[in-house]
Amino acid sequence: MDVLKVYNKASYDKYEAEYQVIASKTAKYMEIKDSLGPDLNYMVMPAYQFQIREFCFRVKTRLSELVLRQAK
């Protein structure tokens, strides 16, 4: 994300705000994770994992677009 800040501050700000929301939700889940049953964790954990993977993919894609645009 730090590299994104160099290329486009507005995009960085947008993704940083989104990351904070994801991190907050994940932190809440992590606080109670051990008190949930394994069946519930089995269903919920992949959703959190997907959310962060999808976010990282979108950041990487945006950074790629910005770097390529500058190279033209």
PDB file of N, CA and C in Angstrom:
ATOM      1  N   MET A   1       0.825  -1.189   0.000  1.00  0.00           N
ATOM      2  CA  MET A   1       0.000   0.000   0.000  1.00  0.00           C
ATOM      3  C   MET A   1       0.869   1.252   0.000  1.00  0.00           C
ATOM      4  N   ASP A   2       2.044   1.187   0.596  1.00  0.00           N
ATOM      5  CA  ASP A   2       2.904   2.368   0.616  1.00  0.00           C
ATOM      6  C   ASP A   2       3.301   2.804  -0.792  1.00  0.00           C
ATOM      7  N   VAL A   3       3.499   1.834  -1.671  1.00  0.00           N
ATOM      8  CA  VAL A   3       3.845   2.163  -3.058  1.00  0.00           C
ATOM      9  C   VAL A   3       2.662   2.834  -3.740  1.00  0.00           C
ATOM     10  N   LEU A   4       1.468   2.367  -3.446  1.00  0.00           N
ATOM     11  CA  LEU A   4       0.271   2.985  -4.013  1.00  0.00           C
ATOM     12  C   LEU A   4       0.187   4.452  -3.618  1.00  0.00           C
ATOM     13  N   LYS A   5       0.592   4.760  -2.417  1.00  0.00           N
ATOM     14  CA  LYS A   5       0.579   6.146  -1.935  1.00  0.00           C
ATOM     15  C   LYS A   5       1.474   7.042  -2.800  1.00  0.00           C
ATOM     16  N   VAL A   6       2.576   6.487  -3.269  1.00  0.00           N
ATOM     17  CA  VAL A   6       3.504   7.242  -4.122  1.00  0.00           C
ATOM     18  C   VAL A   6       2.864   7.547  -5.475  1.00  0.00           C
ATOM     19  N   TYR A   7       2.131   6.583  -6.014  1.00  0.00           N
ATOM     20  CA  TYR A   7       1.563   6.747  -7.348  1.00  0.00           C
ATOM     21  C   TYR A   7       0.251   7.527  -7.364  1.00  0.00           C
ATOM     22  N   ASN A   8      -0.575   7.355  -6.330  1.00  0.00           N
ATOM     23  CA  ASN A   8      -1.864   8.029  -6.344  1.00  0.00           C
ATOM     24  C   ASN A   8      -2.411   8.114  -4.923  1.00  0.00           C
ATOM     25  N   LYS A   9      -2.288   9.280  -4.334  1.00  0.00           N
ATOM     26  CA  LYS A   9      -2.695   9.489  -2.940  1.00  0.00           C
ATOM     27  C   LYS A   9      -4.191   9.233  -2.752  1.00  0.00           C
ATOM     28  N   ALA A  10      -5.009   9.625  -3.705  1.00  0.00           N
ATOM     29  CA  ALA A  10      -6.456   9.422  -3.585  1.00  0.00           C
ATOM     30  C   ALA A  10      -6.799   7.938  -3.537  1.00  0.00           C
ATOM     31  N   SER A  11      -6.172   7.150  -4.390  1.00  0.00           N
ATOM     32  CA  SER A  11      -6.401   5.700  -4.361  1.00  0.00           C
ATOM     33  C   SER A  11      -5.920   5.115  -3.045  1.00  0.00           C
ATOM     34  N   TYR A  12      -4.772   5.571  -2.595  1.00  0.00           N
ATOM     35  CA  TYR A  12      -4.251   5.098  -1.308  1.00  0.00           C
ATOM     36  C   TYR A  12      -5.247   5.388  -0.189  1.00  0.00           C
ATOM     37  N   ASP A  13      -5.740   6.601  -0.142  1.00  0.00           N
ATOM     38  CA  ASP A  13      -6.689   6.982   0.909  1.00  0.00           C
ATOM     39  C   ASP A  13      -7.941   6.109   0.866  1.00  0.00           C
ATOM     40  N   LYS A  14      -8.441   5.854  -0.331  1.00  0.00           N
ATOM     41  CA  LYS A  14      -9.631   5.022  -0.500  1.00  0.00           C
ATOM     42  C   LYS A  14      -9.376   3.610   0.030  1.00  0.00           C
ATOM     43  N   TYR A  15      -8.274   3.017  -0.399  1.00  0.00           N
ATOM     44  CA  TYR A  15      -7.976   1.649   0.019  1.00  0.00           C
ATOM     45  C   TYR A  15      -7.578   1.564   1.489  1.00  0.00           C
ATOM     46  N   GLU A  16      -6.937   2.574   2.001  1.00  0.00           N
ATOM     47  CA  GLU A  16      -6.579   2.589   3.421  1.00  0.00           C
ATOM     48  C   GLU A  16      -7.840   2.604   4.277  1.00  0.00           C
ATOM     49  N   ALA A  17      -8.822   3.402   3.894  1.00  0.00           N
ATOM     50  CA  ALA A  17     -10.087   3.450   4.638  1.00  0.00           C
ATOM     51  C   ALA A  17     -10.788   2.094   4.572  1.00  0.00           C
ATOM     52  N   GLU A  18     -10.781   1.499   3.412  1.00  0.00           N
ATOM     53  CA  GLU A  18     -11.400   0.183   3.253  1.00  0.00           C
ATOM     54  C   GLU A  18     -10.658  -0.867   4.082  1.00  0.00           C
ATOM     55  N   TYR A  19      -9.345  -0.789   4.081  1.00  0.00           N
ATOM     56  CA  TYR A  19      -8.550  -1.728   4.882  1.00  0.00           C
ATOM     57  C   TYR A  19      -8.881  -1.598   6.366  1.00  0.00           C
ATOM     58  N   GLN A  20      -9.046  -0.381   6.834  1.00  0.00           N
ATOM     59  CA  GLN A  20      -9.362  -0.170   8.249  1.00  0.00           C
ATOM     60  C   GLN A  20     -10.692  -0.823   8.628  1.00  0.00           C
ATOM     61  N   VAL A  21     -11.658  -0.771   7.738  1.00  0.00           N
ATOM     62  CA  VAL A  21     -12.952  -1.416   7.983  1.00  0.00           C
ATOM     63  C   VAL A  21     -12.770  -2.931   8.056  1.00  0.00           C
ATOM     64  N   ILE A  22     -12.037  -3.489   7.105  1.00  0.00           N
ATOM     65  CA  ILE A  22     -11.789  -4.935   7.096  1.00  0.00           C
ATOM     66  C   ILE A  22     -11.026  -5.348   8.351  1.00  0.00           C
ATOM     67  N   ALA A  23     -10.009  -4.593   8.707  1.00  0.00           N
ATOM     68  CA  ALA A  23      -9.207  -4.914   9.896  1.00  0.00           C
ATOM     69  C   ALA A  23     -10.047  -4.855  11.164  1.00  0.00           C
ATOM     70  N   SER A  24     -10.931  -3.889  11.240  1.00  0.00           N
ATOM     71  CA  SER A  24     -11.795  -3.758  12.408  1.00  0.00           C
ATOM     72  C   SER A  24     -12.738  -4.954  12.535  1.00  0.00           C
ATOM     73  N   LYS A  25     -13.360  -5.340  11.429  1.00  0.00           N
ATOM     74  CA  LYS A  25     -14.261  -6.492  11.437  1.00  0.00           C
ATOM     75  C   LYS A  25     -13.508  -7.770  11.800  1.00  0.00           C
ATOM     76  N   THR A  26     -12.332  -7.930  11.230  1.00  0.00           N
ATOM     77  CA  THR A  26     -11.535  -9.121  11.500  1.00  0.00           C
ATOM     78  C   THR A  26     -11.097  -9.167  12.958  1.00  0.00           C
ATOM     79  N   ALA A  27     -10.725  -8.021  13.501  1.00  0.00           N
ATOM     80  CA  ALA A  27     -10.306  -7.964  14.907  1.00  0.00           C
ATOM     81  C   ALA A  27     -11.451  -8.379  15.829  1.00  0.00           C
ATOM     82  N   LYS A  28     -12.661  -7.944  15.517  1.00  0.00           N
ATOM     83  CA  LYS A  28     -13.827  -8.346  16.317  1.00  0.00           C
ATOM     84  C   LYS A  28     -13.997  -9.863  16.289  1.00  0.00           C
ATOM     85  N   TYR A  29     -13.904 -10.416  15.098  1.00  0.00           N
ATOM     86  CA  TYR A  29     -14.040 -11.870  14.959  1.00  0.00           C
ATOM     87  C   TYR A  29     -12.932 -12.593  15.724  1.00  0.00           C
ATOM     88  N   MET A  30     -11.719 -12.116  15.612  1.00  0.00           N
ATOM     89  CA  MET A  30     -10.590 -12.769  16.284  1.00  0.00           C
ATOM     90  C   MET A  30     -10.757 -12.749  17.803  1.00  0.00           C
ATOM     91  N   GLU A  31     -11.413 -11.733  18.320  1.00  0.00           N
ATOM     92  CA  GLU A  31     -11.656 -11.656  19.766  1.00  0.00           C
ATOM     93  C   GLU A  31     -12.566 -12.786  20.251  1.00  0.00           C
ATOM     94  N   ILE A  32     -13.506 -13.194  19.428  1.00  0.00           N
ATOM     95  CA  ILE A  32     -14.479 -14.199  19.873  1.00  0.00           C
ATOM     96  C   ILE A  32     -14.259 -15.572  19.238  1.00  0.00           C
ATOM     97  N   LYS A  33     -13.342 -15.660  18.310  1.00  0.00           N
ATOM     98  CA  LYS A  33     -13.119 -16.885  17.541  1.00  0.00           C
ATOM     99  C   LYS A  33     -12.982 -18.119  18.427  1.00  0.00           C
ATOM    100  N   ASP A  34     -12.205 -18.017  19.487  1.00  0.00           N
ATOM    101  CA  ASP A  34     -11.958 -19.179  20.338  1.00  0.00           C
ATOM    102  C   ASP A  34     -13.179 -19.604  21.149  1.00  0.00           C
ATOM    103  N   SER A  35     -14.148 -18.725  21.280  1.00  0.00           N
ATOM    104  CA  SER A  35     -15.348 -19.086  22.029  1.00  0.00           C
ATOM    105  C   SER A  35     -16.443 -19.654  21.125  1.00  0.00           C
ATOM    106  N   LEU A  36     -16.203 -19.662  19.828  1.00  0.00           N
ATOM    107  CA  LEU A  36     -17.155 -20.241  18.879  1.00  0.00           C
ATOM    108  C   LEU A  36     -16.837 -21.714  18.666  1.00  0.00           C
ATOM    109  N   GLY A  37     -17.817 -22.443  18.265  1.00  0.00           N
ATOM    110  CA  GLY A  37     -17.596 -23.854  17.964  1.00  0.00           C
ATOM    111  C   GLY A  37     -16.842 -24.024  16.658  1.00  0.00           C
ATOM    112  N   PRO A  38     -16.184 -25.163  16.496  1.00  0.00           N
ATOM    113  CA  PRO A  38     -15.421 -25.393  15.267  1.00  0.00           C
ATOM    114  C   PRO A  38     -16.294 -25.367  14.013  1.00  0.00           C
ATOM    115  N   ASP A  39     -17.553 -25.787  14.127  1.00  0.00           N
ATOM    116  CA  ASP A  39     -18.431 -25.776  12.955  1.00  0.00           C
ATOM    117  C   ASP A  39     -18.705 -24.358  12.471  1.00  0.00           C
ATOM    118  N   LEU A  40     -18.894 -23.431  13.412  1.00  0.00           N
ATOM    119  CA  LEU A  40     -19.141 -22.036  13.043  1.00  0.00           C
ATOM    120  C   LEU A  40     -17.867 -21.397  12.487  1.00  0.00           C
ATOM    121  N   ASN A  41     -16.733 -21.663  13.124  1.00  0.00           N
ATOM    122  CA  ASN A  41     -15.462 -21.146  12.608  1.00  0.00           C
ATOM    123  C   ASN A  41     -15.167 -21.680  11.213  1.00  0.00           C
ATOM    124  N   TYR A  42     -15.526 -22.939  10.980  1.00  0.00           N
ATOM    125  CA  TYR A  42     -15.308 -23.562   9.676  1.00  0.00           C
ATOM    126  C   TYR A  42     -16.067 -22.804   8.582  1.00  0.00           C
ATOM    127  N   MET A  43     -17.243 -22.287   8.923  1.00  0.00           N
ATOM    128  CA  MET A  43     -18.043 -21.538   7.949  1.00  0.00           C
ATOM    129  C   MET A  43     -17.596 -20.087   7.836  1.00  0.00           C
ATOM    130  N   VAL A  44     -17.209 -19.467   8.952  1.00  0.00           N
ATOM    131  CA  VAL A  44     -16.956 -18.026   8.987  1.00  0.00           C
ATOM    132  C   VAL A  44     -15.534 -17.663   8.540  1.00  0.00           C
ATOM    133  N   MET A  45     -14.545 -18.427   8.968  1.00  0.00           N
ATOM    134  CA  MET A  45     -13.148 -18.099   8.673  1.00  0.00           C
ATOM    135  C   MET A  45     -12.885 -17.901   7.174  1.00  0.00           C
ATOM    136  N   PRO A  46     -13.381 -18.771   6.296  1.00  0.00           N
ATOM    137  CA  PRO A  46     -13.137 -18.545   4.869  1.00  0.00           C
ATOM    138  C   PRO A  46     -13.680 -17.204   4.353  1.00  0.00           C
ATOM    139  N   ALA A  47     -14.764 -16.733   4.934  1.00  0.00           N
ATOM    140  CA  ALA A  47     -15.315 -15.442   4.500  1.00  0.00           C
ATOM    141  C   ALA A  47     -14.342 -14.310   4.812  1.00  0.00           C
ATOM    142  N   TYR A  48     -13.756 -14.342   5.990  1.00  0.00           N
ATOM    143  CA  TYR A  48     -12.770 -13.320   6.357  1.00  0.00           C
ATOM    144  C   TYR A  48     -11.508 -13.446   5.501  1.00  0.00           C
ATOM    145  N   GLN A  49     -11.074 -14.674   5.271  1.00  0.00           N
ATOM    146  CA  GLN A  49      -9.897 -14.899   4.437  1.00  0.00           C
ATOM    147  C   GLN A  49     -10.130 -14.409   3.009  1.00  0.00           C
ATOM    148  N   PHE A  50     -11.302 -14.700   2.467  1.00  0.00           N
ATOM    149  CA  PHE A  50     -11.620 -14.253   1.117  1.00  0.00           C
ATOM    150  C   PHE A  50     -11.654 -12.736   1.042  1.00  0.00           C
ATOM    151  N   GLN A  51     -12.231 -12.116   2.049  1.00  0.00           N
ATOM    152  CA  GLN A  51     -12.355 -10.657   2.047  1.00  0.00           C
ATOM    153  C   GLN A  51     -10.979  -9.986   1.949  1.00  0.00           C
ATOM    154  N   ILE A  52     -10.015 -10.457   2.713  1.00  0.00           N
ATOM    155  CA  ILE A  52      -8.691  -9.829   2.678  1.00  0.00           C
ATOM    156  C   ILE A  52      -7.950 -10.185   1.389  1.00  0.00           C
ATOM    157  N   ARG A  53      -8.121 -11.410   0.894  1.00  0.00           N
ATOM    158  CA  ARG A  53      -7.475 -11.782  -0.377  1.00  0.00           C
ATOM    159  C   ARG A  53      -8.023 -10.952  -1.533  1.00  0.00           C
ATOM    160  N   GLU A  54      -9.325 -10.780  -1.550  1.00  0.00           N
ATOM    161  CA  GLU A  54      -9.958 -10.003  -2.616  1.00  0.00           C
ATOM    162  C   GLU A  54      -9.518  -8.541  -2.543  1.00  0.00           C
ATOM    163  N   PHE A  55      -9.409  -8.009  -1.340  1.00  0.00           N
ATOM    164  CA  PHE A  55      -8.930  -6.648  -1.155  1.00  0.00           C
ATOM    165  C   PHE A  55      -7.501  -6.509  -1.688  1.00  0.00           C
ATOM    166  N   CYS A  56      -6.630  -7.429  -1.319  1.00  0.00           N
ATOM    167  CA  CYS A  56      -5.237  -7.380  -1.780  1.00  0.00           C
ATOM    168  C   CYS A  56      -5.167  -7.460  -3.306  1.00  0.00           C
ATOM    169  N   PHE A  57      -5.998  -8.290  -3.899  1.00  0.00           N
ATOM    170  CA  PHE A  57      -6.024  -8.399  -5.350  1.00  0.00           C
ATOM    171  C   PHE A  57      -6.415  -7.072  -5.994  1.00  0.00           C
ATOM    172  N   ARG A  58      -7.431  -6.408  -5.435  1.00  0.00           N
ATOM    173  CA  ARG A  58      -7.863  -5.123  -6.003  1.00  0.00           C
ATOM    174  C   ARG A  58      -6.788  -4.051  -5.850  1.00  0.00           C
ATOM    175  N   VAL A  59      -6.088  -4.040  -4.724  1.00  0.00           N
ATOM    176  CA  VAL A  59      -5.001  -3.068  -4.535  1.00  0.00           C
ATOM    177  C   VAL A  59      -3.880  -3.337  -5.545  1.00  0.00           C
ATOM    178  N   LYS A  60      -3.520  -4.597  -5.688  1.00  0.00           N
ATOM    179  CA  LYS A  60      -2.461  -4.963  -6.641  1.00  0.00           C
ATOM    180  C   LYS A  60      -2.855  -4.593  -8.067  1.00  0.00           C
ATOM    181  N   THR A  61      -4.111  -4.829  -8.415  1.00  0.00           N
ATOM    182  CA  THR A  61      -4.593  -4.479  -9.754  1.00  0.00           C
ATOM    183  C   THR A  61      -4.537  -2.970  -9.975  1.00  0.00           C
ATOM    184  N   ARG A  62      -4.982  -2.204  -8.992  1.00  0.00           N
ATOM    185  CA  ARG A  62      -4.963  -0.745  -9.112  1.00  0.00           C
ATOM    186  C   ARG A  62      -3.535  -0.229  -9.245  1.00  0.00           C
ATOM    187  N   LEU A  63      -2.633  -0.767  -8.449  1.00  0.00           N
ATOM    188  CA  LEU A  63      -1.230  -0.355  -8.534  1.00  0.00           C
ATOM    189  C   LEU A  63      -0.656  -0.688  -9.904  1.00  0.00           C
ATOM    190  N   SER A  64      -0.976  -1.857 -10.410  1.00  0.00           N
ATOM    191  CA  SER A  64      -0.506  -2.242 -11.747  1.00  0.00           C
ATOM    192  C   SER A  64      -1.006  -1.260 -12.800  1.00  0.00           C
ATOM    193  N   GLU A  65      -2.266  -0.880 -12.714  1.00  0.00           N
ATOM    194  CA  GLU A  65      -2.829   0.090 -13.662  1.00  0.00           C
ATOM    195  C   GLU A  65      -2.076   1.418 -13.600  1.00  0.00           C
ATOM    196  N   LEU A  66      -1.811   1.883 -12.396  1.00  0.00           N
ATOM    197  CA  LEU A  66      -1.126   3.171 -12.232  1.00  0.00           C
ATOM    198  C   LEU A  66       0.308   3.121 -12.755  1.00  0.00           C
ATOM    199  N   VAL A  67       1.008   2.050 -12.472  1.00  0.00           N
ATOM    200  CA  VAL A  67       2.393   1.926 -12.931  1.00  0.00           C
ATOM    201  C   VAL A  67       2.422   1.837 -14.448  1.00  0.00           C
ATOM    202  N   LEU A  68       1.526   1.044 -15.030  1.00  0.00           N
ATOM    203  CA  LEU A  68       1.490   0.919 -16.489  1.00  0.00           C
ATOM    204  C   LEU A  68       1.100   2.232 -17.150  1.00  0.00           C
ATOM    205  N   ARG A  69       0.156   2.940 -16.558  1.00  0.00           N
ATOM    206  CA  ARG A  69      -0.261   4.226 -17.122  1.00  0.00           C
ATOM    207  C   ARG A  69       0.920   5.211 -17.148  1.00  0.00           C
ATOM    208  N   GLN A  70       1.704   5.200 -16.114  1.00  0.00           N
ATOM    209  CA  GLN A  70       2.860   6.107 -16.057  1.00  0.00           C
ATOM    210  C   GLN A  70       3.923   5.713 -17.088  1.00  0.00           C
ATOM    211  N   ALA A  71       4.030   4.438 -17.369  1.00  0.00           N
ATOM    212  CA  ALA A  71       5.049   3.952 -18.305  1.00  0.00           C
ATOM    213  C   ALA A  71       4.746   4.331 -19.758  1.00  0.00           C
ATOM    214  N   LYS A  72       3.503   4.687 -20.034  1.00  0.00           N
ATOM    215  CA  LYS A  72       3.127   5.033 -21.419  1.00  0.00           C
ATOM    216  C   LYS A  72       3.628   6.393 -21.816  1.00  0.00           C
TER     217      LYS A  72
END
